[in-house]
Amino acid sequence: MPLEPTGHPAPSSDALPLPSPPRRLVAGWVMIALALLLGLTACAEGTARDAKQGQEADARRTSVMQSVQETYTASILTGTPPATATKAP
């Protein structure tokens, strides 16, 4: 009794090629890619000269926090009443 083949038959050379994806799907992916590219280029603005000017402007700025801390500390120290003596038990 001959055995029957259990595997799938090999595709013939005249088999149809895989269908191409619908044009709407391809157009959708192209639109998404263009939107991402546009978003990336919108974020990449300025030159090295602009960066250098920004660094110089940051270096000229003075710290505001130090003066705030000095004012707050001074208000605490000048507003504290002197300690009162307590009686020993």
N, C-alpha and C. Protein backbone atom coordinates (compact mmCIF):
# COMPACT_ATOMS: atom_id res chain seq x y z
N MET A 1 0.84 -1.16 0.00
CA MET A 1 0.00 0.00 0.00
C MET A 1 0.90 1.24 0.00
N PRO A 2 0.79 2.10 -1.00
CA PRO A 2 1.65 3.27 -1.08
C PRO A 2 1.18 4.34 -0.10
N LEU A 3 2.16 5.08 0.43
CA LEU A 3 1.84 6.17 1.36
C LEU A 3 1.49 7.44 0.60
N GLU A 4 0.58 8.18 1.20
CA GLU A 4 0.21 9.45 0.59
C GLU A 4 1.12 10.55 1.12
N PRO A 5 1.44 11.52 0.32
CA PRO A 5 2.30 12.61 0.79
C PRO A 5 1.57 13.43 1.85
N THR A 6 2.29 13.82 2.89
CA THR A 6 1.68 14.60 3.97
C THR A 6 2.01 16.09 3.87
N GLY A 7 3.03 16.45 3.11
CA GLY A 7 3.42 17.86 2.98
C GLY A 7 2.57 18.58 1.96
N HIS A 8 2.75 19.87 1.92
CA HIS A 8 2.03 20.67 0.92
C HIS A 8 2.76 20.55 -0.41
N PRO A 9 2.03 20.58 -1.46
CA PRO A 9 2.69 20.48 -2.76
C PRO A 9 3.54 21.73 -3.02
N ALA A 10 4.65 21.56 -3.70
CA ALA A 10 5.53 22.67 -4.03
C ALA A 10 4.82 23.60 -5.00
N PRO A 11 4.99 24.91 -4.82
CA PRO A 11 4.31 25.83 -5.74
C PRO A 11 4.91 25.71 -7.13
N SER A 12 4.05 25.81 -8.08
CA SER A 12 4.52 25.71 -9.47
C SER A 12 5.06 27.06 -9.92
N SER A 13 5.81 27.04 -10.98
CA SER A 13 6.41 28.28 -11.46
C SER A 13 5.37 29.23 -12.03
N ASP A 14 4.21 28.74 -12.37
CA ASP A 14 3.17 29.62 -12.91
C ASP A 14 2.20 30.09 -11.82
N ALA A 15 2.62 30.01 -10.54
CA ALA A 15 1.77 30.47 -9.44
C ALA A 15 1.65 31.99 -9.49
N LEU A 16 0.53 32.48 -9.06
CA LEU A 16 0.29 33.92 -9.08
C LEU A 16 1.14 34.62 -8.03
N PRO A 17 1.65 35.80 -8.34
CA PRO A 17 2.43 36.54 -7.33
C PRO A 17 1.51 37.05 -6.22
N LEU A 18 2.11 37.43 -5.10
CA LEU A 18 1.31 37.96 -4.00
C LEU A 18 0.64 39.26 -4.42
N PRO A 19 -0.58 39.47 -3.99
CA PRO A 19 -1.27 40.70 -4.40
C PRO A 19 -0.60 41.91 -3.74
N SER A 20 -0.57 43.00 -4.46
CA SER A 20 0.01 44.23 -3.92
C SER A 20 -1.01 44.87 -2.97
N PRO A 21 -0.51 45.61 -1.97
CA PRO A 21 -1.45 46.24 -1.03
C PRO A 21 -2.29 47.31 -1.74
N PRO A 22 -3.47 47.55 -1.23
CA PRO A 22 -4.34 48.55 -1.86
C PRO A 22 -3.67 49.93 -1.86
N ARG A 23 -4.01 50.71 -2.84
CA ARG A 23 -3.40 52.04 -2.98
C ARG A 23 -3.73 52.95 -1.80
N ARG A 24 -4.90 52.80 -1.24
CA ARG A 24 -5.27 53.62 -0.07
C ARG A 24 -4.36 53.35 1.11
N LEU A 25 -4.01 52.09 1.31
CA LEU A 25 -3.13 51.73 2.40
C LEU A 25 -1.74 52.33 2.20
N VAL A 26 -1.23 52.22 0.99
CA VAL A 26 0.08 52.79 0.68
C VAL A 26 0.04 54.31 0.83
N ALA A 27 -1.02 54.93 0.34
CA ALA A 27 -1.14 56.39 0.46
C ALA A 27 -1.22 56.81 1.92
N GLY A 28 -1.88 56.02 2.74
CA GLY A 28 -1.96 56.34 4.17
C GLY A 28 -0.60 56.30 4.84
N TRP A 29 0.19 55.27 4.51
CA TRP A 29 1.54 55.16 5.09
C TRP A 29 2.43 56.30 4.60
N VAL A 30 2.27 56.69 3.36
CA VAL A 30 3.06 57.81 2.83
C VAL A 30 2.69 59.10 3.56
N MET A 31 1.41 59.30 3.80
CA MET A 31 0.97 60.51 4.51
C MET A 31 1.50 60.53 5.95
N ILE A 32 1.50 59.39 6.62
CA ILE A 32 2.03 59.32 7.98
C ILE A 32 3.53 59.63 7.99
N ALA A 33 4.24 59.07 7.03
CA ALA A 33 5.68 59.32 6.94
C ALA A 33 5.96 60.80 6.68
N LEU A 34 5.19 61.42 5.80
CA LEU A 34 5.38 62.85 5.53
C LEU A 34 5.06 63.70 6.75
N ALA A 35 4.02 63.33 7.49
CA ALA A 35 3.67 64.09 8.69
C ALA A 35 4.79 63.99 9.74
N LEU A 36 5.35 62.81 9.90
CA LEU A 36 6.47 62.65 10.84
C LEU A 36 7.69 63.44 10.40
N LEU A 37 7.98 63.42 9.12
CA LEU A 37 9.11 64.17 8.60
C LEU A 37 8.90 65.67 8.78
N LEU A 38 7.70 66.14 8.54
CA LEU A 38 7.39 67.55 8.74
C LEU A 38 7.52 67.94 10.21
N GLY A 39 7.08 67.07 11.10
CA GLY A 39 7.21 67.35 12.53
C GLY A 39 8.66 67.42 12.98
N LEU A 40 9.49 66.53 12.45
CA LEU A 40 10.91 66.55 12.80
C LEU A 40 11.60 67.80 12.27
N THR A 41 11.27 68.21 11.07
CA THR A 41 11.92 69.39 10.52
C THR A 41 11.44 70.65 11.20
N ALA A 42 10.23 70.66 11.71
CA ALA A 42 9.74 71.83 12.43
C ALA A 42 10.46 72.00 13.76
N CYS A 43 10.90 70.91 14.36
CA CYS A 43 11.62 70.98 15.63
C CYS A 43 13.08 71.38 15.43
N ALA A 44 13.61 71.14 14.28
CA ALA A 44 15.03 71.40 14.03
C ALA A 44 15.21 72.78 13.42
N GLU A 45 15.09 73.79 14.24
CA GLU A 45 15.28 75.15 13.74
C GLU A 45 16.45 75.78 14.46
N GLY A 46 17.01 76.80 13.89
CA GLY A 46 18.13 77.49 14.51
C GLY A 46 19.45 76.97 13.99
N THR A 47 20.48 77.74 14.27
CA THR A 47 21.81 77.39 13.82
C THR A 47 22.75 77.40 15.01
N ALA A 48 24.01 77.11 14.76
CA ALA A 48 25.02 77.15 15.82
C ALA A 48 25.18 78.58 16.33
N ARG A 49 25.02 79.55 15.45
CA ARG A 49 25.12 80.95 15.86
C ARG A 49 24.00 81.29 16.86
N ASP A 50 22.78 80.80 16.59
CA ASP A 50 21.66 81.03 17.51
C ASP A 50 21.93 80.38 18.86
N ALA A 51 22.52 79.19 18.85
CA ALA A 51 22.81 78.50 20.09
C ALA A 51 23.85 79.28 20.90
N LYS A 52 24.84 79.82 20.23
CA LYS A 52 25.89 80.59 20.92
C LYS A 52 25.29 81.85 21.53
N GLN A 53 24.40 82.51 20.82
CA GLN A 53 23.74 83.71 21.35
C GLN A 53 22.90 83.35 22.58
N GLY A 54 22.24 82.23 22.55
CA GLY A 54 21.45 81.79 23.69
C GLY A 54 22.32 81.50 24.90
N GLN A 55 23.46 80.87 24.68
CA GLN A 55 24.39 80.60 25.78
C GLN A 55 24.89 81.89 26.41
N GLU A 56 25.21 82.88 25.57
CA GLU A 56 25.70 84.15 26.08
C GLU A 56 24.60 84.87 26.86
N ALA A 57 23.37 84.80 26.39
CA ALA A 57 22.26 85.44 27.10
C ALA A 57 22.03 84.76 28.46
N ASP A 58 22.15 83.44 28.50
CA ASP A 58 22.00 82.73 29.77
C ASP A 58 23.11 83.10 30.74
N ALA A 59 24.31 83.30 30.23
CA ALA A 59 25.44 83.64 31.09
C ALA A 59 25.29 85.04 31.68
N ARG A 60 24.62 85.95 30.96
CA ARG A 60 24.43 87.32 31.46
C ARG A 60 23.34 87.42 32.53
N ARG A 61 22.45 86.46 32.57
CA ARG A 61 21.36 86.52 33.54
C ARG A 61 21.89 86.32 34.95
N THR A 62 21.28 87.05 35.89
CA THR A 62 21.67 86.90 37.29
C THR A 62 20.70 85.95 37.97
N SER A 63 21.15 85.37 39.04
CA SER A 63 20.32 84.43 39.77
C SER A 63 19.32 85.19 40.63
N VAL A 64 18.07 84.88 40.49
CA VAL A 64 17.02 85.52 41.28
C VAL A 64 16.83 84.77 42.59
N MET A 65 17.13 83.51 42.58
CA MET A 65 16.88 82.67 43.76
C MET A 65 17.72 83.11 44.95
N GLN A 66 18.94 83.55 44.73
CA GLN A 66 19.79 83.95 45.83
C GLN A 66 19.20 85.16 46.55
N SER A 67 18.71 86.14 45.82
CA SER A 67 18.12 87.31 46.47
C SER A 67 16.82 86.96 47.19
N VAL A 68 16.05 86.03 46.64
CA VAL A 68 14.82 85.59 47.31
C VAL A 68 15.15 84.90 48.62
N GLN A 69 16.15 84.06 48.61
CA GLN A 69 16.53 83.36 49.82
C GLN A 69 17.07 84.33 50.87
N GLU A 70 17.86 85.31 50.46
CA GLU A 70 18.38 86.30 51.41
C GLU A 70 17.25 87.09 52.03
N THR A 71 16.27 87.49 51.26
CA THR A 71 15.14 88.25 51.78
C THR A 71 14.33 87.42 52.75
N TYR A 72 14.07 86.18 52.41
CA TYR A 72 13.27 85.31 53.26
C TYR A 72 14.00 85.04 54.58
N THR A 73 15.29 84.77 54.50
CA THR A 73 16.08 84.52 55.70
C THR A 73 16.11 85.76 56.59
N ALA A 74 16.27 86.93 55.99
CA ALA A 74 16.29 88.17 56.77
C ALA A 74 14.95 88.41 57.45
N SER A 75 13.87 88.12 56.79
CA SER A 75 12.55 88.33 57.41
C SER A 75 12.33 87.37 58.58
N ILE A 76 12.86 86.17 58.47
CA ILE A 76 12.73 85.22 59.57
C ILE A 76 13.56 85.69 60.77
N LEU A 77 14.81 86.10 60.49
CA LEU A 77 15.70 86.47 61.59
C LEU A 77 15.26 87.76 62.28
N THR A 78 14.77 88.73 61.54
CA THR A 78 14.35 89.99 62.18
C THR A 78 12.98 89.88 62.81
N GLY A 79 12.18 88.93 62.40
CA GLY A 79 10.83 88.81 62.94
C GLY A 79 10.73 87.86 64.12
N THR A 80 11.81 87.25 64.54
CA THR A 80 11.76 86.29 65.64
C THR A 80 11.94 87.03 66.98
N PRO A 81 11.00 86.88 67.88
CA PRO A 81 11.15 87.55 69.19
C PRO A 81 12.24 86.88 70.02
N PRO A 82 12.75 87.60 70.99
CA PRO A 82 13.80 87.00 71.85
C PRO A 82 13.20 85.87 72.70
N ALA A 83 14.03 84.95 73.06
CA ALA A 83 13.59 83.81 73.85
C ALA A 83 13.22 84.28 75.27
N THR A 84 12.20 83.68 75.84
CA THR A 84 11.79 84.02 77.20
C THR A 84 12.33 82.97 78.19
N ALA A 85 12.63 83.42 79.35
CA ALA A 85 13.15 82.50 80.36
C ALA A 85 12.00 81.65 80.91
N THR A 86 12.30 80.41 81.14
CA THR A 86 11.32 79.52 81.73
C THR A 86 11.77 79.14 83.13
N LYS A 87 10.82 78.92 84.03
CA LYS A 87 11.14 78.54 85.41
C LYS A 87 11.46 77.06 85.46
N ALA A 88 12.45 76.71 86.24
CA ALA A 88 12.79 75.31 86.40
C ALA A 88 11.76 74.64 87.29
N PRO A 89 11.42 73.42 87.04
CA PRO A 89 10.41 72.75 87.86
C PRO A 89 10.86 72.43 89.26
